[in-house]
Amino acid sequence: MKKDELLVDMPVETIADYQISAKTIQVCLSEIVTWIRYGDSSKYFVCANPHSLEVARIDKVFEEALRAADLVIPDGMGIVIASRILGGSIQKRITGSDLFLGLSRLLADDTSRTYRYYFLGSTEDNLEKIRQRIAADFPNLLVCGTYSPPFRDEFSEEEKRLMVEAVNNAEPDVLWVGMTAPKQEKWIYQNRNRVNVKFIGAIGAVFDFYTGNVKRSHPLFQKLGIEWLPRFLREPRRLWYRNFVSNPSFLLRVIKCRLTDTNKTIDQI
């Protein structure tokens, strides 16, 4: 593809006062490839779901990280439902796994050069599994480095410095960050101007999905929009709040917005 073919306008729609991408995954991927090939600054994407948008209401830095993102994809089925309720055009969800695998295929198929990946997050053991699987699945991609940060809610300035230094020394084209939300989005937002990389992706559980440490729900559940159900049955204690508090709260605000004032964003409800 030529450069002018990749410079695609990406319409968005406003949901919960956030600009959510309303384009197909193919258009999203084309935009990302443009950033990687021709960009002169770090761009990043985040995944939007009802739980993350609810958490952002009480976490100011997380809210800023979501708003500053260059691409916000409709990861949760609740976002698709919200779009329909509000008369939007989002037809289907796009997951972090979709973008990770789709971009990897596109970059691996470009035989003009070898693109460099860096993985930040997870455990040393899982990072080694990622390295091995990338080599097997996408031999034209190079994992130029990995970093397993300390497992804690907040990093010290020295820890942040070491992470940034490690990434920059490796000179990647793409930085994948998997430290769970909202920690990963906040890290990217606070350090995006310190890392010398064209594109950064906050993909959380994809690190574990890709290596098989955590199994994604059957494709049928994904297609029906209830991928959350098998995961909830496996981990009810961890996921009950997301599914039975955050998601209903978000959709209730969407419905109120639709019924009371179509010109009002749901953050005002």
Protein backbone atom coordinates (compact mmCIF):
# COMPACT_ATOMS: atom_id res chain seq x y z
CA MET A 1 0.00 0.00 0.00
CA LYS A 2 1.08 3.56 -0.73
CA LYS A 3 1.26 6.24 1.91
CA ASP A 4 -1.70 8.21 0.52
CA GLU A 5 -3.81 5.06 0.52
CA LEU A 6 -3.22 4.60 4.24
CA LEU A 7 -4.00 8.14 5.37
CA VAL A 8 -7.62 7.35 6.17
CA ASP A 9 -10.01 9.67 7.98
CA MET A 10 -11.37 7.87 11.01
CA PRO A 11 -14.86 9.07 12.04
CA VAL A 12 -15.72 8.69 15.69
CA GLU A 13 -18.85 8.96 17.77
CA THR A 14 -19.28 10.36 21.24
CA ILE A 15 -20.20 7.87 23.95
CA ALA A 16 -19.88 8.89 27.59
CA ASP A 17 -18.15 12.02 26.29
CA TYR A 18 -15.33 9.91 24.82
CA GLN A 19 -14.50 9.79 21.14
CA ILE A 20 -14.94 6.12 20.24
CA SER A 21 -13.85 4.86 16.84
CA ALA A 22 -16.80 3.98 14.62
CA LYS A 23 -14.71 2.49 11.81
CA THR A 24 -14.01 -1.11 10.89
CA ILE A 25 -10.95 -2.93 12.12
CA GLN A 26 -9.47 -2.76 8.62
CA VAL A 27 -9.55 1.04 8.65
CA CYS A 28 -8.16 1.16 12.19
CA LEU A 29 -5.28 -1.08 11.17
CA SER A 30 -4.55 1.04 8.11
CA GLU A 31 -4.32 4.13 10.30
CA ILE A 32 -1.95 2.38 12.72
CA VAL A 33 0.29 1.18 9.89
CA THR A 34 0.49 4.78 8.69
CA TRP A 35 1.59 5.93 12.15
CA ILE A 36 4.27 3.25 12.31
CA ARG A 37 5.64 3.84 8.82
CA TYR A 38 5.43 7.60 8.59
CA GLY A 39 4.72 9.04 12.04
CA ASP A 40 7.06 11.36 13.89
CA SER A 41 5.65 10.94 17.41
CA SER A 42 4.24 8.26 19.69
CA LYS A 43 0.59 7.37 19.03
CA TYR A 44 -1.35 5.02 21.25
CA PHE A 45 -4.63 3.17 21.43
CA VAL A 46 -6.80 2.05 24.32
CA CYS A 47 -9.78 -0.25 24.66
CA ALA A 48 -13.10 1.18 25.84
CA ASN A 49 -15.62 -0.93 27.70
CA PRO A 50 -18.35 0.00 30.19
CA HIS A 51 -16.21 -0.93 33.18
CA SER A 52 -13.24 1.20 32.09
CA LEU A 53 -15.45 4.23 31.42
CA GLU A 54 -17.06 3.83 34.84
CA VAL A 55 -13.68 3.55 36.57
CA ALA A 56 -12.52 6.68 34.74
CA ARG A 57 -15.29 8.65 36.44
CA ILE A 58 -13.42 8.39 39.74
CA ASP A 59 -9.82 8.12 38.46
CA LYS A 60 -8.77 11.47 36.98
CA VAL A 61 -5.47 10.30 35.49
CA PHE A 62 -7.17 7.31 33.89
CA GLU A 63 -9.79 9.64 32.43
CA GLU A 64 -7.06 11.87 31.00
CA ALA A 65 -5.29 8.83 29.54
CA LEU A 66 -8.45 7.70 27.75
CA ARG A 67 -9.21 11.16 26.41
CA ALA A 68 -5.65 11.70 25.17
CA ALA A 69 -5.53 8.39 23.26
CA ASP A 70 -5.16 8.63 19.49
CA LEU A 71 -7.50 5.70 19.00
CA VAL A 72 -10.21 4.39 21.35
CA ILE A 73 -11.72 1.12 20.15
CA PRO A 74 -15.14 -0.28 21.16
CA ASP A 75 -13.83 -3.33 22.99
CA GLY A 76 -16.86 -4.12 25.13
CA MET A 77 -20.21 -5.30 23.80
CA GLY A 78 -21.73 -2.72 26.14
CA ILE A 79 -20.18 0.03 23.98
CA VAL A 80 -21.84 -1.44 20.87
CA ILE A 81 -25.18 -1.57 22.69
CA ALA A 82 -24.71 2.02 23.89
CA SER A 83 -24.04 3.14 20.32
CA ARG A 84 -27.27 1.51 19.15
CA ILE A 85 -29.28 3.06 21.97
CA LEU A 86 -27.88 6.50 21.17
CA GLY A 87 -28.47 6.12 17.44
CA GLY A 88 -24.82 5.60 16.57
CA SER A 89 -23.20 3.49 13.86
CA ILE A 90 -20.84 1.13 15.70
CA GLN A 91 -21.77 -2.32 14.45
CA LYS A 92 -19.41 -4.64 16.29
CA ARG A 93 -16.75 -4.66 18.96
CA ILE A 94 -13.03 -4.58 18.21
CA THR A 95 -10.89 -6.26 20.84
CA GLY A 96 -7.29 -5.76 21.82
CA SER A 97 -6.62 -9.26 20.49
CA ASP A 98 -8.14 -8.29 17.14
CA LEU A 99 -5.79 -5.33 16.79
CA PHE A 100 -2.73 -7.17 18.07
CA LEU A 101 -3.13 -10.12 15.70
CA GLY A 102 -4.35 -8.02 12.77
CA LEU A 103 -1.43 -5.60 13.02
CA SER A 104 1.05 -8.44 13.44
CA ARG A 105 -0.18 -10.07 10.24
CA LEU A 106 0.05 -6.82 8.29
CA LEU A 107 3.55 -5.98 9.49
CA ALA A 108 4.80 -9.53 9.04
CA ASP A 109 3.55 -9.52 5.44
CA ASP A 110 5.60 -6.42 4.67
CA THR A 111 8.79 -7.98 3.37
CA SER A 112 10.46 -4.62 2.76
CA ARG A 113 11.69 -4.52 6.37
CA THR A 114 11.55 -6.27 9.73
CA TYR A 115 9.38 -4.54 12.31
CA ARG A 116 10.49 -4.57 15.92
CA TYR A 117 8.20 -5.39 18.88
CA TYR A 118 8.75 -4.69 22.56
CA PHE A 119 6.58 -6.24 25.28
CA LEU A 120 6.25 -4.48 28.65
CA GLY A 121 4.34 -6.26 31.41
CA SER A 122 3.47 -9.74 32.66
CA THR A 123 5.97 -12.25 34.06
CA GLU A 124 9.36 -13.31 32.74
CA ASP A 125 7.98 -16.77 31.99
CA ASN A 126 5.04 -15.43 29.99
CA LEU A 127 7.22 -12.94 28.14
CA GLU A 128 9.47 -15.79 27.02
CA LYS A 129 6.39 -17.66 25.77
CA ILE A 130 5.37 -14.56 23.80
CA ARG A 131 8.84 -14.31 22.28
CA GLN A 132 8.73 -17.96 21.20
CA ARG A 133 5.24 -17.76 19.75
CA ILE A 134 5.94 -14.57 17.81
CA ALA A 135 8.98 -16.29 16.28
CA ALA A 136 6.79 -19.21 15.23
CA ASP A 137 3.71 -17.27 14.08
CA PHE A 138 5.37 -14.21 12.56
CA PRO A 139 9.01 -14.99 11.69
CA ASN A 140 9.33 -11.67 9.87
CA LEU A 141 8.71 -9.79 13.14
CA LEU A 142 11.46 -9.31 15.72
CA VAL A 143 10.89 -9.19 19.47
CA CYS A 144 13.70 -6.78 20.25
CA GLY A 145 13.07 -6.74 23.99
CA THR A 146 10.82 -7.54 26.94
CA TYR A 147 10.49 -6.16 30.45
CA SER A 148 8.67 -7.59 33.45
CA PRO A 149 8.00 -4.66 35.83
CA PRO A 150 7.43 -4.99 39.58
CA PHE A 151 3.89 -6.04 40.45
CA ARG A 152 2.49 -3.02 42.28
CA ASP A 153 -0.17 -0.35 41.84
CA GLU A 154 2.26 2.56 41.53
CA PHE A 155 5.80 2.64 40.17
CA SER A 156 8.56 4.78 41.63
CA GLU A 157 10.23 7.39 39.42
CA GLU A 158 13.34 5.22 39.28
CA GLU A 159 11.29 2.22 38.12
CA LYS A 160 9.64 4.35 35.44
CA ARG A 161 13.03 5.60 34.32
CA LEU A 162 14.39 2.08 34.01
CA MET A 163 11.39 0.96 31.96
CA VAL A 164 11.66 3.91 29.59
CA GLU A 165 15.41 3.42 29.27
CA ALA A 166 14.99 -0.27 28.48
CA VAL A 167 12.42 0.45 25.76
CA ASN A 168 14.48 3.20 24.16
CA ASN A 169 17.65 1.12 24.16
CA ALA A 170 15.84 -1.61 22.21
CA GLU A 171 14.58 0.83 19.52
CA PRO A 172 11.22 -0.85 18.82
CA ASP A 173 8.65 0.20 16.23
CA VAL A 174 5.78 -1.00 18.42
CA LEU A 175 5.48 -1.14 22.19
CA TRP A 176 2.86 -3.49 23.60
CA VAL A 177 1.93 -2.79 27.22
CA GLY A 178 0.13 -5.45 29.25
CA MET A 179 -0.15 -4.39 32.89
CA THR A 180 -3.99 -4.46 33.24
CA ALA A 181 -6.26 -1.42 33.27
CA PRO A 182 -6.05 1.31 34.41
CA LYS A 183 -2.35 0.96 35.26
CA GLN A 184 -1.25 0.33 31.67
CA GLU A 185 -3.18 3.26 30.21
CA LYS A 186 -1.87 5.61 32.89
CA TRP A 187 1.71 4.43 32.31
CA ILE A 188 1.41 5.03 28.57
CA TYR A 189 -0.17 8.47 29.07
CA GLN A 190 2.52 9.57 31.52
CA ASN A 191 5.46 8.19 29.51
CA ARG A 192 4.38 8.44 25.86
CA ASN A 193 6.61 11.44 25.23
CA ARG A 194 9.61 9.76 26.85
CA VAL A 195 9.67 6.58 24.77
CA ASN A 196 11.03 6.68 21.22
CA VAL A 197 8.47 4.48 19.54
CA LYS A 198 5.91 5.13 16.82
CA PHE A 199 2.99 3.16 18.26
CA ILE A 200 1.95 1.93 21.71
CA GLY A 201 -0.87 -0.48 22.44
CA ALA A 202 -2.55 -1.08 25.80
CA ILE A 203 -3.63 -4.70 25.46
CA GLY A 204 -3.79 -6.07 29.02
CA ALA A 205 -5.01 -9.65 29.03
CA VAL A 206 -3.89 -10.22 25.44
CA PHE A 207 -0.46 -11.19 26.78
CA ASP A 208 -2.08 -14.15 28.53
CA PHE A 209 -4.57 -14.90 25.76
CA TYR A 210 -1.81 -15.10 23.18
CA THR A 211 0.31 -17.55 25.15
CA GLY A 212 -2.67 -19.62 26.28
CA ASN A 213 -2.20 -18.88 29.97
CA VAL A 214 -5.80 -17.66 29.92
CA LYS A 215 -8.26 -19.13 27.44
CA ARG A 216 -10.54 -16.80 25.51
CA SER A 217 -14.19 -17.79 25.44
CA HIS A 218 -15.41 -19.96 22.58
CA PRO A 219 -15.90 -18.00 19.31
CA LEU A 220 -19.66 -18.59 19.62
CA PHE A 221 -19.74 -16.65 22.89
CA GLN A 222 -17.65 -13.92 21.27
CA LYS A 223 -20.04 -13.71 18.32
CA LEU A 224 -23.08 -13.54 20.59
CA GLY A 225 -21.51 -10.74 22.62
CA ILE A 226 -21.35 -12.75 25.83
CA GLU A 227 -17.64 -13.53 25.93
CA TRP A 228 -17.73 -12.26 29.49
CA LEU A 229 -19.94 -15.12 30.71
CA PRO A 230 -17.45 -18.06 30.65
CA ARG A 231 -14.77 -15.77 32.08
CA PHE A 232 -17.10 -14.72 34.88
CA LEU A 233 -17.93 -18.34 35.68
CA ARG A 234 -14.20 -19.08 35.94
CA GLU A 235 -13.36 -15.99 38.02
CA PRO A 236 -16.56 -14.75 39.71
CA ARG A 237 -14.83 -13.07 42.64
CA ARG A 238 -12.63 -10.94 40.38
CA LEU A 239 -15.21 -10.11 37.73
CA TRP A 240 -18.50 -9.73 39.63
CA TYR A 241 -18.17 -5.97 40.14
CA ARG A 242 -17.41 -5.36 36.46
CA ASN A 243 -20.38 -7.38 35.25
CA PHE A 244 -23.01 -6.64 37.88
CA VAL A 245 -22.15 -3.08 38.96
CA SER A 246 -20.11 -1.23 36.32
CA ASN A 247 -21.85 -2.56 33.22
CA PRO A 248 -25.43 -2.00 34.45
CA SER A 249 -24.51 1.44 35.81
CA PHE A 250 -23.07 2.47 32.45
CA LEU A 251 -26.03 1.21 30.43
CA LEU A 252 -28.49 2.84 32.83
CA ARG A 253 -26.82 6.19 32.21
CA VAL A 254 -27.00 5.58 28.45
CA ILE A 255 -30.72 4.82 28.65
CA LYS A 256 -31.37 7.89 30.81
CA CYS A 257 -29.48 10.02 28.32
CA ARG A 258 -31.55 8.66 25.45
CA LEU A 259 -34.83 9.20 27.29
CA THR A 260 -34.20 12.59 28.86
CA ASP A 261 -32.09 14.67 26.48
CA THR A 262 -30.53 13.45 23.23
CA ASN A 263 -28.26 16.50 23.17
CA LYS A 264 -26.76 15.74 26.56
CA THR A 265 -23.71 13.49 26.97
CA ILE A 266 -24.15 10.67 29.45
CA ASP A 267 -21.40 12.10 31.64
CA GLN A 268 -23.92 14.81 32.48
CA ILE A 269 -26.48 12.28 33.67
